[in-house]
């Protein structure tokens, strides 16, 4: 699997995690079978009693729908920005903590890690 395809799959999963509740039951079922249960297109089609092409088209439409939600709402982008900024702040704190050997810096680092974990 190419790195870009893997990154796309991770992004798609993240979008589904954020916006999945906005999809229809049929869309969610298809995604669950295909991505979570690792069914093939043919297996999903058989399970949902439709054609393989219908599943392929549904997956493409759902991907477009999730991207549309992200364009309109931007939750994934905000989460990624928050994660990046907290990691940057943590690196600065680590650097300062080593210089000063101050326990307050360690506590700040813990707070940043906790915030970063909550944003996932």
N, C-alpha and C. Protein backbone atom coordinates (compact mmCIF):
# COMPACT_ATOMS: atom_id res chain seq x y z
N UNK A 1 0.86 -1.18 0.00
CA UNK A 1 0.00 0.00 0.00
C UNK A 1 0.90 1.24 0.00
N UNK A 2 0.64 2.15 -0.88
CA UNK A 2 1.42 3.38 -0.97
C UNK A 2 1.18 4.24 0.26
N UNK A 3 2.20 5.01 0.61
CA UNK A 3 2.09 5.86 1.80
C UNK A 3 0.91 6.81 1.68
N UNK A 4 0.70 7.36 0.51
CA UNK A 4 -0.40 8.30 0.32
C UNK A 4 -1.75 7.61 0.51
N UNK A 5 -1.90 6.40 0.00
CA UNK A 5 -3.14 5.64 0.17
C UNK A 5 -3.38 5.35 1.65
N UNK A 6 -2.31 5.04 2.37
CA UNK A 6 -2.42 4.77 3.80
C UNK A 6 -2.85 6.05 4.54
N UNK A 7 -2.23 7.18 4.20
CA UNK A 7 -2.60 8.46 4.81
C UNK A 7 -4.05 8.82 4.50
N UNK A 8 -4.48 8.55 3.26
CA UNK A 8 -5.86 8.82 2.88
C UNK A 8 -6.82 7.98 3.70
N UNK A 9 -6.45 6.74 3.93
CA UNK A 9 -7.30 5.83 4.71
C UNK A 9 -7.39 6.30 6.17
N UNK A 10 -6.28 6.77 6.71
CA UNK A 10 -6.29 7.29 8.08
C UNK A 10 -7.16 8.55 8.16
N UNK A 11 -7.01 9.43 7.17
CA UNK A 11 -7.84 10.65 7.15
C UNK A 11 -9.32 10.28 7.06
N UNK A 12 -9.65 9.34 6.18
CA UNK A 12 -11.04 8.92 6.02
C UNK A 12 -11.58 8.37 7.34
N UNK A 13 -10.77 7.57 8.02
CA UNK A 13 -11.18 7.04 9.32
C UNK A 13 -11.38 8.13 10.36
N UNK A 14 -10.51 9.12 10.35
CA UNK A 14 -10.65 10.25 11.28
C UNK A 14 -11.92 11.04 10.98
N UNK A 15 -12.18 11.28 9.71
CA UNK A 15 -13.40 11.99 9.33
C UNK A 15 -14.62 11.20 9.75
N UNK A 16 -14.57 9.88 9.56
CA UNK A 16 -15.70 9.04 9.96
C UNK A 16 -15.91 9.10 11.47
N UNK A 17 -14.82 9.07 12.21
CA UNK A 17 -14.91 9.14 13.67
C UNK A 17 -15.59 10.45 14.11
N UNK A 18 -15.28 11.54 13.44
CA UNK A 18 -15.82 12.85 13.81
C UNK A 18 -17.25 13.02 13.31
N UNK A 19 -17.48 12.72 12.04
CA UNK A 19 -18.76 13.04 11.40
C UNK A 19 -19.65 11.83 11.13
N UNK A 20 -19.25 10.66 11.54
CA UNK A 20 -20.00 9.44 11.24
C UNK A 20 -21.45 9.48 11.68
N UNK A 21 -21.72 10.14 12.78
CA UNK A 21 -23.10 10.20 13.28
C UNK A 21 -24.02 10.97 12.34
N UNK A 22 -23.44 11.75 11.44
CA UNK A 22 -24.24 12.52 10.48
C UNK A 22 -24.62 11.71 9.24
N UNK A 23 -24.06 10.51 9.12
CA UNK A 23 -24.35 9.66 7.97
C UNK A 23 -25.61 8.84 8.21
N UNK A 24 -26.15 8.31 7.14
CA UNK A 24 -27.33 7.44 7.27
C UNK A 24 -26.90 6.08 7.83
N UNK A 25 -27.87 5.32 8.29
CA UNK A 25 -27.58 3.99 8.82
C UNK A 25 -26.94 3.10 7.74
N UNK A 26 -27.43 3.18 6.53
CA UNK A 26 -26.89 2.39 5.43
C UNK A 26 -25.44 2.77 5.14
N UNK A 27 -25.14 4.06 5.15
CA UNK A 27 -23.77 4.52 4.93
C UNK A 27 -22.84 4.02 6.04
N UNK A 28 -23.30 4.14 7.28
CA UNK A 28 -22.49 3.67 8.42
C UNK A 28 -22.26 2.17 8.34
N UNK A 29 -23.30 1.41 8.01
CA UNK A 29 -23.17 -0.04 7.91
C UNK A 29 -22.13 -0.41 6.85
N UNK A 30 -22.20 0.24 5.72
CA UNK A 30 -21.26 -0.03 4.63
C UNK A 30 -19.83 0.26 5.08
N UNK A 31 -19.62 1.40 5.71
CA UNK A 31 -18.28 1.76 6.17
C UNK A 31 -17.78 0.82 7.25
N UNK A 32 -18.64 0.45 8.15
CA UNK A 32 -18.25 -0.48 9.22
C UNK A 32 -17.78 -1.81 8.63
N UNK A 33 -18.56 -2.33 7.68
CA UNK A 33 -18.20 -3.61 7.07
C UNK A 33 -16.90 -3.50 6.28
N UNK A 34 -16.78 -2.44 5.49
CA UNK A 34 -15.63 -2.32 4.60
C UNK A 34 -14.35 -1.97 5.35
N UNK A 35 -14.41 -0.99 6.25
CA UNK A 35 -13.20 -0.53 6.92
C UNK A 35 -12.93 -1.25 8.24
N UNK A 36 -13.94 -1.42 9.04
CA UNK A 36 -13.72 -2.01 10.37
C UNK A 36 -13.65 -3.54 10.31
N UNK A 37 -14.57 -4.14 9.57
CA UNK A 37 -14.60 -5.60 9.48
C UNK A 37 -13.71 -6.12 8.36
N UNK A 38 -13.18 -5.22 7.54
CA UNK A 38 -12.26 -5.55 6.45
C UNK A 38 -12.90 -6.47 5.42
N UNK A 39 -14.19 -6.25 5.16
CA UNK A 39 -14.86 -6.99 4.10
C UNK A 39 -14.41 -6.44 2.75
N UNK A 40 -14.42 -7.27 1.74
CA UNK A 40 -14.17 -6.81 0.37
C UNK A 40 -15.43 -6.11 -0.14
N UNK A 41 -15.30 -5.41 -1.26
CA UNK A 41 -16.48 -4.77 -1.86
C UNK A 41 -17.54 -5.81 -2.17
N UNK A 42 -17.11 -6.95 -2.68
CA UNK A 42 -18.06 -8.02 -3.02
C UNK A 42 -18.76 -8.55 -1.77
N UNK A 43 -18.02 -8.70 -0.68
CA UNK A 43 -18.62 -9.20 0.56
C UNK A 43 -19.61 -8.20 1.15
N UNK A 44 -19.26 -6.92 1.09
CA UNK A 44 -20.18 -5.88 1.57
C UNK A 44 -21.43 -5.89 0.71
N UNK A 45 -21.25 -5.99 -0.61
CA UNK A 45 -22.38 -6.01 -1.53
C UNK A 45 -23.31 -7.19 -1.23
N UNK A 46 -22.72 -8.34 -0.98
CA UNK A 46 -23.53 -9.52 -0.66
C UNK A 46 -24.28 -9.31 0.66
N UNK A 47 -23.59 -8.80 1.65
CA UNK A 47 -24.21 -8.57 2.97
C UNK A 47 -25.37 -7.57 2.87
N UNK A 48 -25.17 -6.54 2.05
CA UNK A 48 -26.19 -5.48 1.94
C UNK A 48 -27.16 -5.73 0.79
N UNK A 49 -26.97 -6.84 0.09
CA UNK A 49 -27.85 -7.26 -1.01
C UNK A 49 -27.97 -6.20 -2.11
N UNK A 50 -26.80 -5.70 -2.53
CA UNK A 50 -26.71 -4.76 -3.65
C UNK A 50 -25.51 -5.17 -4.50
N UNK A 51 -25.29 -4.46 -5.58
CA UNK A 51 -24.16 -4.79 -6.44
C UNK A 51 -22.85 -4.26 -5.87
N UNK A 52 -21.76 -4.84 -6.32
CA UNK A 52 -20.43 -4.37 -5.93
C UNK A 52 -20.24 -2.92 -6.37
N UNK A 53 -20.73 -2.59 -7.57
CA UNK A 53 -20.62 -1.22 -8.07
C UNK A 53 -21.38 -0.24 -7.18
N UNK A 54 -22.52 -0.67 -6.68
CA UNK A 54 -23.31 0.19 -5.78
C UNK A 54 -22.52 0.51 -4.51
N UNK A 55 -21.82 -0.48 -3.98
CA UNK A 55 -21.00 -0.28 -2.78
C UNK A 55 -19.84 0.67 -3.10
N UNK A 56 -19.19 0.44 -4.23
CA UNK A 56 -18.09 1.32 -4.64
C UNK A 56 -18.57 2.76 -4.75
N UNK A 57 -19.70 2.97 -5.41
CA UNK A 57 -20.26 4.31 -5.56
C UNK A 57 -20.64 4.92 -4.21
N UNK A 58 -21.23 4.09 -3.35
CA UNK A 58 -21.62 4.57 -2.02
C UNK A 58 -20.40 5.03 -1.23
N UNK A 59 -19.33 4.25 -1.27
CA UNK A 59 -18.11 4.63 -0.55
C UNK A 59 -17.56 5.95 -1.08
N UNK A 60 -17.57 6.15 -2.38
CA UNK A 60 -17.08 7.42 -2.96
C UNK A 60 -17.95 8.59 -2.53
N UNK A 61 -19.27 8.39 -2.55
CA UNK A 61 -20.17 9.47 -2.13
C UNK A 61 -20.00 9.80 -0.66
N UNK A 62 -19.83 8.77 0.15
CA UNK A 62 -19.64 9.00 1.59
C UNK A 62 -18.34 9.76 1.83
N UNK A 63 -17.30 9.39 1.10
CA UNK A 63 -16.02 10.11 1.23
C UNK A 63 -16.20 11.58 0.88
N UNK A 64 -16.93 11.86 -0.19
CA UNK A 64 -17.19 13.24 -0.58
C UNK A 64 -18.03 13.96 0.48
N UNK A 65 -19.00 13.25 1.04
CA UNK A 65 -19.85 13.83 2.08
C UNK A 65 -19.03 14.19 3.31
N UNK A 66 -18.16 13.27 3.74
CA UNK A 66 -17.33 13.53 4.91
C UNK A 66 -16.38 14.70 4.65
N UNK A 67 -15.81 14.75 3.46
CA UNK A 67 -14.93 15.89 3.11
C UNK A 67 -15.71 17.20 3.09
N UNK A 68 -16.95 17.14 2.63
CA UNK A 68 -17.81 18.34 2.64
C UNK A 68 -18.06 18.82 4.07
N UNK A 69 -18.37 17.88 4.97
CA UNK A 69 -18.57 18.26 6.37
C UNK A 69 -17.30 18.90 6.94
N UNK A 70 -16.16 18.33 6.61
CA UNK A 70 -14.90 18.88 7.11
C UNK A 70 -14.65 20.28 6.54
N UNK A 71 -14.96 20.48 5.27
CA UNK A 71 -14.80 21.80 4.66
C UNK A 71 -15.69 22.82 5.36
N UNK A 72 -16.91 22.41 5.67
CA UNK A 72 -17.86 23.32 6.30
C UNK A 72 -17.56 23.55 7.78
N UNK A 73 -17.17 22.52 8.50
CA UNK A 73 -17.04 22.60 9.96
C UNK A 73 -15.59 22.65 10.44
N UNK A 74 -14.69 21.95 9.79
CA UNK A 74 -13.27 22.02 10.10
C UNK A 74 -12.81 21.42 11.42
N UNK A 75 -13.57 20.47 11.97
CA UNK A 75 -13.17 19.89 13.25
C UNK A 75 -11.85 19.13 13.19
N UNK A 76 -11.64 18.37 12.13
CA UNK A 76 -10.40 17.60 12.01
C UNK A 76 -9.20 18.54 11.92
N UNK A 77 -9.32 19.58 11.14
CA UNK A 77 -8.23 20.55 11.01
C UNK A 77 -7.92 21.20 12.36
N UNK A 78 -8.96 21.55 13.09
CA UNK A 78 -8.73 22.15 14.43
C UNK A 78 -8.06 21.17 15.37
N UNK A 79 -8.47 19.90 15.32
CA UNK A 79 -7.84 18.89 16.17
C UNK A 79 -6.37 18.72 15.81
N UNK A 80 -6.07 18.68 14.51
CA UNK A 80 -4.68 18.54 14.08
C UNK A 80 -3.85 19.75 14.49
N UNK A 81 -4.42 20.95 14.36
CA UNK A 81 -3.70 22.16 14.79
C UNK A 81 -3.45 22.16 16.29
N UNK A 82 -4.45 21.77 17.05
CA UNK A 82 -4.29 21.70 18.50
C UNK A 82 -3.21 20.71 18.88
N UNK A 83 -3.21 19.55 18.25
CA UNK A 83 -2.21 18.53 18.52
C UNK A 83 -0.80 19.05 18.19
N UNK A 84 -0.67 19.69 17.04
CA UNK A 84 0.63 20.22 16.61
C UNK A 84 1.12 21.29 17.58
N UNK A 85 0.24 22.20 18.00
CA UNK A 85 0.63 23.27 18.91
C UNK A 85 0.98 22.74 20.30
N UNK A 86 0.23 21.75 20.78
CA UNK A 86 0.55 21.21 22.10
C UNK A 86 1.88 20.45 22.06
N UNK A 87 2.16 19.78 20.95
CA UNK A 87 3.46 19.10 20.82
C UNK A 87 4.60 20.12 20.78
N UNK A 88 4.38 21.22 20.09
CA UNK A 88 5.40 22.27 20.03
C UNK A 88 5.62 22.89 21.41
N UNK A 89 4.53 23.17 22.11
CA UNK A 89 4.63 23.72 23.46
C UNK A 89 5.32 22.74 24.40
N UNK A 90 5.03 21.47 24.26
CA UNK A 90 5.66 20.45 25.10
C UNK A 90 7.16 20.39 24.85
N UNK A 91 7.57 20.53 23.61
CA UNK A 91 9.00 20.52 23.29
C UNK A 91 9.71 21.72 23.93
N UNK A 92 9.07 22.86 23.89
CA UNK A 92 9.63 24.06 24.53
C UNK A 92 9.73 23.86 26.03
N UNK A 93 8.67 23.32 26.63
CA UNK A 93 8.69 23.05 28.07
C UNK A 93 9.78 22.07 28.44
N UNK A 94 9.94 21.02 27.65
CA UNK A 94 10.99 20.04 27.92
C UNK A 94 12.36 20.70 27.91
N UNK A 95 12.57 21.56 26.96
CA UNK A 95 13.85 22.27 26.84
C UNK A 95 14.10 23.15 28.06
N UNK A 96 13.10 23.88 28.45
CA UNK A 96 13.23 24.78 29.61
C UNK A 96 13.36 23.99 30.92
N UNK A 97 12.63 22.90 31.01
CA UNK A 97 12.69 22.08 32.23
C UNK A 97 14.09 21.52 32.44
N UNK A 98 14.75 21.13 31.36
CA UNK A 98 16.11 20.61 31.47
C UNK A 98 17.07 21.70 31.94
N UNK A 99 16.87 22.91 31.47
CA UNK A 99 17.73 24.02 31.85
C UNK A 99 17.54 24.39 33.32
N UNK A 100 16.31 24.41 33.75
CA UNK A 100 15.99 24.93 35.09
C UNK A 100 15.77 23.86 36.14
N UNK A 101 15.54 22.63 35.70
CA UNK A 101 15.22 21.54 36.62
C UNK A 101 14.07 21.92 37.55
N UNK A 102 13.02 22.46 36.96
CA UNK A 102 11.87 22.97 37.69
C UNK A 102 10.70 21.99 37.57
N UNK A 103 10.09 21.63 38.70
CA UNK A 103 8.99 20.66 38.69
C UNK A 103 7.72 21.25 38.09
N UNK A 104 7.56 22.56 38.12
CA UNK A 104 6.37 23.16 37.52
C UNK A 104 6.34 22.93 36.02
N UNK A 105 7.50 22.92 35.39
CA UNK A 105 7.55 22.63 33.96
C UNK A 105 7.09 21.20 33.70
N UNK A 106 7.45 20.29 34.57
CA UNK A 106 7.02 18.90 34.40
C UNK A 106 5.50 18.80 34.50
N UNK A 107 4.92 19.54 35.44
CA UNK A 107 3.46 19.52 35.58
C UNK A 107 2.79 20.13 34.35
N UNK A 108 3.35 21.20 33.82
CA UNK A 108 2.81 21.78 32.60
C UNK A 108 2.86 20.79 31.44
N UNK A 109 3.94 20.04 31.37
CA UNK A 109 4.10 19.02 30.34
C UNK A 109 3.02 17.96 30.49
N UNK A 110 2.73 17.54 31.70
CA UNK A 110 1.67 16.56 31.94
C UNK A 110 0.31 17.09 31.49
N UNK A 111 0.07 18.37 31.78
CA UNK A 111 -1.20 18.99 31.38
C UNK A 111 -1.33 19.00 29.86
N UNK A 112 -0.26 19.35 29.18
CA UNK A 112 -0.29 19.36 27.72
C UNK A 112 -0.54 17.97 27.16
N UNK A 113 0.09 16.96 27.73
CA UNK A 113 -0.13 15.59 27.27
C UNK A 113 -1.59 15.18 27.47
N UNK A 114 -2.15 15.55 28.61
CA UNK A 114 -3.54 15.21 28.89
C UNK A 114 -4.47 15.91 27.91
N UNK A 115 -4.21 17.19 27.62
CA UNK A 115 -5.01 17.91 26.64
C UNK A 115 -4.90 17.28 25.26
N UNK A 116 -3.71 16.88 24.91
CA UNK A 116 -3.49 16.25 23.61
C UNK A 116 -4.22 14.92 23.51
N UNK A 117 -4.20 14.15 24.59
CA UNK A 117 -4.93 12.87 24.61
C UNK A 117 -6.42 13.07 24.49
N UNK A 118 -6.95 14.13 25.12
CA UNK A 118 -8.39 14.40 25.08
C UNK A 118 -8.84 14.85 23.69
N UNK A 119 -7.94 15.46 22.94
CA UNK A 119 -8.31 15.95 21.61
C UNK A 119 -8.35 14.84 20.57
N UNK A 120 -7.93 13.64 20.93
CA UNK A 120 -7.95 12.52 19.96
C UNK A 120 -9.23 11.81 19.95
